[in-house]
Every structure is written in structure tokens, then in C-alpha cells.
N, C-alpha and C. Protein backbone atom coordinates (compact mmCIF):
# COMPACT_ATOMS: atom_id res chain seq x y z
N MET A 1 0.84 -1.19 0.00
CA MET A 1 0.00 0.00 0.00
C MET A 1 0.88 1.25 0.00
N LYS A 2 0.50 2.22 -0.83
CA LYS A 2 1.29 3.45 -0.92
C LYS A 2 0.99 4.38 0.23
N GLN A 3 1.96 5.19 0.55
CA GLN A 3 1.88 6.20 1.60
C GLN A 3 0.90 7.31 1.21
N ASN A 4 0.21 7.90 2.19
CA ASN A 4 -0.74 8.98 1.93
C ASN A 4 -0.12 10.36 2.10
N TRP A 5 1.21 10.42 2.22
CA TRP A 5 1.90 11.68 2.44
C TRP A 5 3.07 11.79 1.48
N MET A 6 3.37 13.01 1.14
CA MET A 6 4.57 13.28 0.36
C MET A 6 5.58 13.94 1.29
N ASN A 7 6.84 13.63 1.10
CA ASN A 7 7.92 14.27 1.86
C ASN A 7 8.35 15.51 1.09
N LEU A 8 7.99 16.67 1.62
CA LEU A 8 8.25 17.94 0.95
C LEU A 8 9.50 18.58 1.53
N LYS A 9 10.40 18.97 0.64
CA LYS A 9 11.62 19.65 1.07
C LYS A 9 11.82 20.88 0.18
N ILE A 10 11.92 22.07 0.82
CA ILE A 10 12.18 23.31 0.11
C ILE A 10 13.66 23.65 0.32
N LEU A 11 14.40 23.74 -0.76
CA LEU A 11 15.84 23.97 -0.70
C LEU A 11 16.18 25.37 -1.20
N LEU A 12 16.93 26.12 -0.38
CA LEU A 12 17.46 27.42 -0.77
C LEU A 12 18.95 27.23 -1.06
N PRO A 13 19.61 28.19 -1.67
CA PRO A 13 21.03 28.01 -1.98
C PRO A 13 21.90 27.73 -0.76
N THR A 14 21.52 28.24 0.41
CA THR A 14 22.38 28.10 1.59
C THR A 14 21.80 27.23 2.69
N GLU A 15 20.57 26.74 2.52
CA GLU A 15 19.96 25.98 3.61
C GLU A 15 18.75 25.19 3.14
N VAL A 16 18.33 24.25 3.98
CA VAL A 16 17.04 23.59 3.79
C VAL A 16 16.03 24.46 4.51
N PHE A 17 15.14 25.11 3.75
CA PHE A 17 14.17 26.04 4.32
C PHE A 17 13.06 25.31 5.06
N LEU A 18 12.62 24.18 4.51
CA LEU A 18 11.49 23.45 5.08
C LEU A 18 11.62 21.97 4.76
N GLU A 19 11.31 21.15 5.73
CA GLU A 19 11.24 19.70 5.52
C GLU A 19 10.04 19.22 6.32
N THR A 20 9.02 18.72 5.60
CA THR A 20 7.78 18.33 6.26
C THR A 20 7.05 17.30 5.41
N GLU A 21 5.90 16.84 5.91
CA GLU A 21 5.05 15.95 5.15
C GLU A 21 3.83 16.73 4.67
N ALA A 22 3.38 16.43 3.47
CA ALA A 22 2.25 17.14 2.88
C ALA A 22 1.29 16.13 2.24
N SER A 23 0.00 16.41 2.37
CA SER A 23 -1.00 15.54 1.74
C SER A 23 -1.39 16.04 0.35
N LYS A 24 -1.15 17.33 0.10
CA LYS A 24 -1.49 17.94 -1.18
C LYS A 24 -0.59 19.16 -1.36
N ILE A 25 -0.22 19.44 -2.60
CA ILE A 25 0.62 20.59 -2.94
C ILE A 25 0.02 21.29 -4.15
N VAL A 26 -0.01 22.62 -4.10
CA VAL A 26 -0.43 23.42 -5.25
C VAL A 26 0.67 24.44 -5.52
N ALA A 27 1.13 24.50 -6.76
CA ALA A 27 2.20 25.42 -7.15
C ALA A 27 1.87 26.01 -8.52
N GLU A 28 2.68 26.97 -8.95
CA GLU A 28 2.42 27.63 -10.23
C GLU A 28 3.62 27.51 -11.16
N ALA A 29 3.34 27.06 -12.37
CA ALA A 29 4.34 27.00 -13.44
C ALA A 29 4.01 28.09 -14.46
N GLY A 30 4.79 28.18 -15.49
CA GLY A 30 4.57 29.19 -16.52
C GLY A 30 3.22 29.09 -17.21
N ASP A 31 2.67 27.90 -17.26
CA ASP A 31 1.38 27.71 -17.93
C ASP A 31 0.21 27.61 -16.95
N GLY A 32 0.43 27.95 -15.68
CA GLY A 32 -0.68 27.96 -14.73
C GLY A 32 -0.42 27.11 -13.50
N PHE A 33 -1.45 27.04 -12.64
CA PHE A 33 -1.35 26.29 -11.39
C PHE A 33 -1.53 24.80 -11.64
N PHE A 34 -0.92 23.99 -10.78
CA PHE A 34 -1.10 22.54 -10.83
C PHE A 34 -1.11 22.01 -9.40
N GLY A 35 -1.68 20.83 -9.23
CA GLY A 35 -1.73 20.20 -7.91
C GLY A 35 -1.07 18.84 -7.94
N LEU A 36 -0.51 18.47 -6.79
CA LEU A 36 0.11 17.15 -6.64
C LEU A 36 -0.51 16.45 -5.44
N LEU A 37 -0.79 15.17 -5.61
CA LEU A 37 -1.24 14.30 -4.54
C LEU A 37 -0.22 13.18 -4.38
N PRO A 38 -0.24 12.44 -3.27
CA PRO A 38 0.79 11.42 -3.04
C PRO A 38 0.93 10.39 -4.16
N ARG A 39 -0.14 10.03 -4.83
CA ARG A 39 -0.05 8.99 -5.88
C ARG A 39 0.12 9.58 -7.28
N HIS A 40 0.41 10.87 -7.34
CA HIS A 40 0.63 11.54 -8.63
C HIS A 40 1.86 10.94 -9.30
N VAL A 41 1.82 10.88 -10.61
CA VAL A 41 2.95 10.38 -11.39
C VAL A 41 4.18 11.27 -11.12
N ASP A 42 5.38 10.70 -11.29
CA ASP A 42 6.60 11.50 -11.14
C ASP A 42 6.52 12.70 -12.08
N PHE A 43 7.10 13.81 -11.63
CA PHE A 43 6.80 15.08 -12.28
C PHE A 43 7.94 16.07 -12.08
N VAL A 44 8.21 16.89 -13.09
CA VAL A 44 9.20 17.97 -12.99
C VAL A 44 8.56 19.22 -13.58
N SER A 45 8.76 20.36 -12.90
CA SER A 45 8.20 21.61 -13.41
C SER A 45 9.07 22.79 -13.01
N ALA A 46 9.20 23.74 -13.93
CA ALA A 46 9.84 25.03 -13.61
C ALA A 46 8.77 25.91 -12.99
N LEU A 47 9.06 26.45 -11.80
CA LEU A 47 8.09 27.27 -11.08
C LEU A 47 8.33 28.75 -11.34
N VAL A 48 7.25 29.51 -11.32
CA VAL A 48 7.35 30.96 -11.44
C VAL A 48 7.18 31.56 -10.04
N PRO A 49 7.64 32.80 -9.84
CA PRO A 49 7.44 33.42 -8.53
C PRO A 49 5.96 33.50 -8.20
N GLY A 50 5.62 33.13 -6.98
CA GLY A 50 4.22 33.17 -6.60
C GLY A 50 3.95 32.46 -5.29
N ILE A 51 2.70 32.13 -5.07
CA ILE A 51 2.26 31.46 -3.85
C ILE A 51 2.36 29.94 -4.04
N PHE A 52 2.98 29.29 -3.09
CA PHE A 52 3.13 27.84 -3.05
C PHE A 52 2.33 27.38 -1.84
N THR A 53 1.42 26.44 -2.03
CA THR A 53 0.54 26.01 -0.94
C THR A 53 0.67 24.51 -0.73
N TYR A 54 0.68 24.11 0.54
CA TYR A 54 0.62 22.68 0.85
C TYR A 54 -0.28 22.46 2.06
N TRP A 55 -0.77 21.24 2.19
CA TRP A 55 -1.60 20.87 3.32
C TRP A 55 -0.79 19.95 4.21
N ASP A 56 -0.69 20.29 5.51
CA ASP A 56 0.14 19.52 6.44
C ASP A 56 -0.62 18.31 7.01
N ARG A 57 0.01 17.59 7.94
CA ARG A 57 -0.58 16.38 8.53
C ARG A 57 -1.90 16.65 9.25
N ASP A 58 -2.09 17.88 9.74
CA ASP A 58 -3.34 18.24 10.42
C ASP A 58 -4.35 18.82 9.44
N ASP A 59 -4.10 18.68 8.16
CA ASP A 59 -4.95 19.16 7.07
C ASP A 59 -5.11 20.67 7.09
N ARG A 60 -4.08 21.36 7.59
CA ARG A 60 -4.06 22.83 7.55
C ARG A 60 -3.40 23.28 6.26
N GLU A 61 -3.96 24.31 5.68
CA GLU A 61 -3.41 24.90 4.47
C GLU A 61 -2.29 25.85 4.88
N VAL A 62 -1.11 25.65 4.31
CA VAL A 62 0.06 26.47 4.63
C VAL A 62 0.49 27.20 3.36
N PHE A 63 0.62 28.53 3.47
CA PHE A 63 0.99 29.36 2.33
C PHE A 63 2.45 29.78 2.43
N MET A 64 3.12 29.75 1.29
CA MET A 64 4.50 30.22 1.19
C MET A 64 4.60 31.05 -0.08
N ALA A 65 5.55 31.96 -0.09
CA ALA A 65 5.88 32.68 -1.32
C ALA A 65 7.26 32.21 -1.74
N ILE A 66 7.39 31.90 -3.01
CA ILE A 66 8.69 31.45 -3.51
C ILE A 66 9.07 32.25 -4.74
N ASP A 67 10.36 32.33 -4.96
CA ASP A 67 10.90 32.91 -6.18
C ASP A 67 10.82 31.82 -7.25
N ARG A 68 11.26 32.13 -8.45
CA ARG A 68 11.26 31.07 -9.47
C ARG A 68 12.13 29.91 -9.00
N GLY A 69 11.85 28.73 -9.50
CA GLY A 69 12.61 27.58 -9.06
C GLY A 69 12.24 26.34 -9.85
N LEU A 70 12.56 25.21 -9.27
CA LEU A 70 12.32 23.93 -9.92
C LEU A 70 11.70 22.98 -8.91
N LEU A 71 10.66 22.28 -9.32
CA LEU A 71 9.99 21.27 -8.49
C LEU A 71 10.20 19.91 -9.13
N VAL A 72 10.60 18.93 -8.31
CA VAL A 72 10.77 17.56 -8.78
C VAL A 72 10.00 16.65 -7.83
N LYS A 73 9.07 15.85 -8.38
CA LYS A 73 8.37 14.83 -7.58
C LYS A 73 8.86 13.49 -8.08
N TYR A 74 9.39 12.71 -7.17
CA TYR A 74 9.89 11.37 -7.49
C TYR A 74 9.40 10.44 -6.41
N GLY A 75 8.45 9.57 -6.75
CA GLY A 75 7.85 8.72 -5.73
C GLY A 75 7.13 9.58 -4.71
N GLN A 76 7.47 9.44 -3.45
CA GLN A 76 6.84 10.23 -2.38
C GLN A 76 7.64 11.49 -2.05
N GLU A 77 8.78 11.69 -2.73
CA GLU A 77 9.64 12.85 -2.46
C GLU A 77 9.28 14.01 -3.38
N VAL A 78 9.14 15.20 -2.79
CA VAL A 78 8.93 16.41 -3.57
C VAL A 78 10.01 17.41 -3.15
N LEU A 79 10.87 17.75 -4.08
CA LEU A 79 11.95 18.70 -3.82
C LEU A 79 11.68 19.97 -4.61
N VAL A 80 11.79 21.10 -3.91
CA VAL A 80 11.64 22.41 -4.56
C VAL A 80 12.93 23.17 -4.31
N SER A 81 13.57 23.59 -5.38
CA SER A 81 14.78 24.38 -5.28
C SER A 81 14.45 25.79 -5.76
N THR A 82 14.73 26.79 -4.90
CA THR A 82 14.42 28.17 -5.23
C THR A 82 15.43 29.09 -4.56
N ARG A 83 15.55 30.31 -5.05
CA ARG A 83 16.49 31.27 -4.45
C ARG A 83 15.98 31.84 -3.15
N THR A 84 14.67 32.11 -3.08
CA THR A 84 14.09 32.78 -1.92
C THR A 84 12.73 32.17 -1.61
N ALA A 85 12.44 32.02 -0.32
CA ALA A 85 11.13 31.55 0.12
C ALA A 85 10.81 32.18 1.47
N VAL A 86 9.53 32.49 1.66
CA VAL A 86 9.06 32.98 2.96
C VAL A 86 7.75 32.28 3.27
N SER A 87 7.49 32.10 4.56
CA SER A 87 6.27 31.45 5.00
C SER A 87 5.61 32.31 6.05
N GLY A 88 4.30 32.49 5.95
CA GLY A 88 3.57 33.30 6.92
C GLY A 88 2.39 32.54 7.48
N GLY A 89 1.93 32.97 8.65
CA GLY A 89 0.80 32.30 9.30
C GLY A 89 -0.49 32.46 8.54
N ASP A 90 -0.68 33.61 7.90
CA ASP A 90 -1.87 33.85 7.09
C ASP A 90 -1.46 34.69 5.88
N LEU A 91 -2.41 34.94 5.00
CA LEU A 91 -2.06 35.66 3.77
C LEU A 91 -1.65 37.10 4.02
N ASP A 92 -2.21 37.77 5.05
CA ASP A 92 -1.81 39.14 5.36
C ASP A 92 -0.35 39.19 5.82
N GLU A 93 0.01 38.27 6.71
CA GLU A 93 1.40 38.21 7.18
C GLU A 93 2.33 37.86 6.03
N LEU A 94 1.90 36.93 5.19
CA LEU A 94 2.71 36.53 4.04
C LEU A 94 2.94 37.71 3.10
N GLU A 95 1.91 38.51 2.88
CA GLU A 95 2.06 39.69 2.01
C GLU A 95 3.11 40.65 2.57
N ARG A 96 3.08 40.87 3.88
CA ARG A 96 4.06 41.75 4.52
C ARG A 96 5.48 41.18 4.36
N LEU A 97 5.62 39.87 4.59
CA LEU A 97 6.92 39.23 4.47
C LEU A 97 7.44 39.27 3.03
N ILE A 98 6.54 39.12 2.07
CA ILE A 98 6.93 39.18 0.66
C ILE A 98 7.50 40.56 0.34
N GLU A 99 6.79 41.59 0.78
CA GLU A 99 7.26 42.96 0.51
C GLU A 99 8.64 43.19 1.11
N GLU A 100 8.85 42.74 2.35
CA GLU A 100 10.14 42.94 3.02
C GLU A 100 11.25 42.13 2.35
N THR A 101 11.01 40.83 2.20
CA THR A 101 12.05 39.91 1.71
C THR A 101 12.38 40.13 0.24
N PHE A 102 11.37 40.17 -0.61
CA PHE A 102 11.64 40.26 -2.03
C PHE A 102 12.12 41.65 -2.42
N PHE A 103 11.70 42.70 -1.70
CA PHE A 103 12.23 44.04 -1.94
C PHE A 103 13.72 44.05 -1.63
N GLU A 104 14.12 43.41 -0.54
CA GLU A 104 15.53 43.35 -0.15
C GLU A 104 16.34 42.60 -1.21
N VAL A 105 15.81 41.50 -1.73
CA VAL A 105 16.50 40.73 -2.76
C VAL A 105 16.62 41.56 -4.04
N ASP A 106 15.54 42.25 -4.44
CA ASP A 106 15.58 43.09 -5.64
C ASP A 106 16.62 44.20 -5.49
N GLU A 107 16.70 44.77 -4.28
CA GLU A 107 17.66 45.83 -4.02
C GLU A 107 19.09 45.32 -4.16
N ARG A 108 19.36 44.11 -3.61
CA ARG A 108 20.70 43.51 -3.72
C ARG A 108 21.03 43.21 -5.19
N ASP A 109 20.04 42.67 -5.94
CA ASP A 109 20.26 42.38 -7.35
C ASP A 109 20.56 43.66 -8.12
N SER A 110 19.83 44.73 -7.82
CA SER A 110 20.04 46.00 -8.49
C SER A 110 21.44 46.54 -8.22
N THR A 111 21.89 46.43 -6.98
CA THR A 111 23.24 46.88 -6.61
C THR A 111 24.29 46.06 -7.35
N ALA A 112 24.08 44.76 -7.43
CA ALA A 112 25.04 43.90 -8.14
C ALA A 112 25.08 44.22 -9.63
N ARG A 113 23.90 44.45 -10.23
CA ARG A 113 23.86 44.81 -11.65
C ARG A 113 24.58 46.13 -11.91
N SER A 114 24.41 47.08 -11.00
CA SER A 114 25.09 48.38 -11.14
C SER A 114 26.60 48.21 -11.08
N ALA A 115 27.07 47.37 -10.15
CA ALA A 115 28.51 47.13 -10.02
C ALA A 115 29.07 46.49 -11.27
N VAL A 116 28.36 45.52 -11.83
CA VAL A 116 28.81 44.86 -13.06
C VAL A 116 28.83 45.86 -14.22
N ALA A 117 27.82 46.70 -14.30
CA ALA A 117 27.78 47.70 -15.38
C ALA A 117 28.96 48.66 -15.27
N ARG A 118 29.30 49.08 -14.04
CA ARG A 118 30.46 49.96 -13.85
C ARG A 118 31.75 49.26 -14.26
N MET A 119 31.89 47.99 -13.91
CA MET A 119 33.10 47.24 -14.28
C MET A 119 33.20 47.10 -15.80
N GLU A 120 32.06 46.83 -16.46
CA GLU A 120 32.06 46.71 -17.92
C GLU A 120 32.45 48.03 -18.56
N ALA A 121 31.89 49.13 -18.06
CA ALA A 121 32.22 50.45 -18.62
C ALA A 121 33.69 50.77 -18.41
N ASP A 122 34.22 50.43 -17.24
CA ASP A 122 35.64 50.67 -16.96
C ASP A 122 36.51 49.83 -17.89
N PHE A 123 36.12 48.59 -18.11
CA PHE A 123 36.88 47.70 -19.00
C PHE A 123 36.91 48.27 -20.42
N ILE A 124 35.76 48.72 -20.91
CA ILE A 124 35.70 49.29 -22.27
C ILE A 124 36.54 50.56 -22.35
N ARG A 125 36.46 51.41 -21.32
CA ARG A 125 37.24 52.65 -21.29
C ARG A 125 38.73 52.33 -21.36
N ARG A 126 39.17 51.34 -20.63
CA ARG A 126 40.59 50.96 -20.65
C ARG A 126 41.01 50.39 -22.00
N LEU A 127 40.13 49.61 -22.63
CA LEU A 127 40.44 49.09 -23.97
C LEU A 127 40.63 50.24 -24.95
N VAL A 128 39.74 51.24 -24.87
CA VAL A 128 39.84 52.39 -25.78
C VAL A 128 41.15 53.13 -25.51
N GLU A 129 41.53 53.29 -24.25
CA GLU A 129 42.78 53.98 -23.91
C GLU A 129 44.00 53.24 -24.44
N LEU A 130 43.96 51.91 -24.50
CA LEU A 130 45.08 51.12 -25.01
C LEU A 130 45.29 51.32 -26.50
N LYS A 131 44.25 51.60 -27.25
CA LYS A 131 44.37 51.77 -28.70
C LYS A 131 44.91 53.12 -28.94
């Protein structure tokens, strides 16, 4: 007899964000939302930034926000790899956490892009000076 739970693991670049059991998972790919149940066929999907939902052992709906990533379901294992994830007690708290966390990530990305642009401009300027 097959298990009625999936082993869900959310992986960030530096840590395991979440490891739990889930009875149902709903996520979003480029072509829309999809759901997974324990007996679902093995599955791989590229995820878009959005709300990731799962139901825990007590049949509570748990909401998370994730950045783009990859979901792999193999047997009872479901692995989600993403750059950023936040979890809130309810949707209002989650919205607040999304604004704080993802704004901070966007700000860091913007700073890094600016630094790379300055280095590229400096490199081109030096090449012109050599000629």
C-alpha cells in the first residue's frame, strides 16, 4: 500500500528552508497552477514566482511565497529548489513578508547589476585607452 503523504523539502542556496510531510501541494508553473497528490505520477516543473501552498498532517493549508525555481516529484519525495522563500501564518502576514524579503533581494540584485555595469564600462574605457 502506498503512503498517503509526500515528503516535501524546500531547498534554498544556503539551507534547507522546510522539511515536512504534505497531503497535497499546489504550485504555479509558466502555464498555470497545478496540484500534486501522493499517488501523482513522477513530475518535474519550472516554477514561477508566486504562492506555493501545501496541506500539512493536520490538514491545515500552509501558504508560502517562492521565487522562481524547480519542483521535482519522485515517488513520495517532492523537492523544490528556489532562491528565496518565505512562510507566513496567514495571507496578510505573508504579504508583509513578501514585501520585506523580495524588496531586499531586488535591491541587492540592483546593486550587483550596477557594479557589473560599472566594471564593464571601466573595461571598455581601458580598452579604448590602449588603442
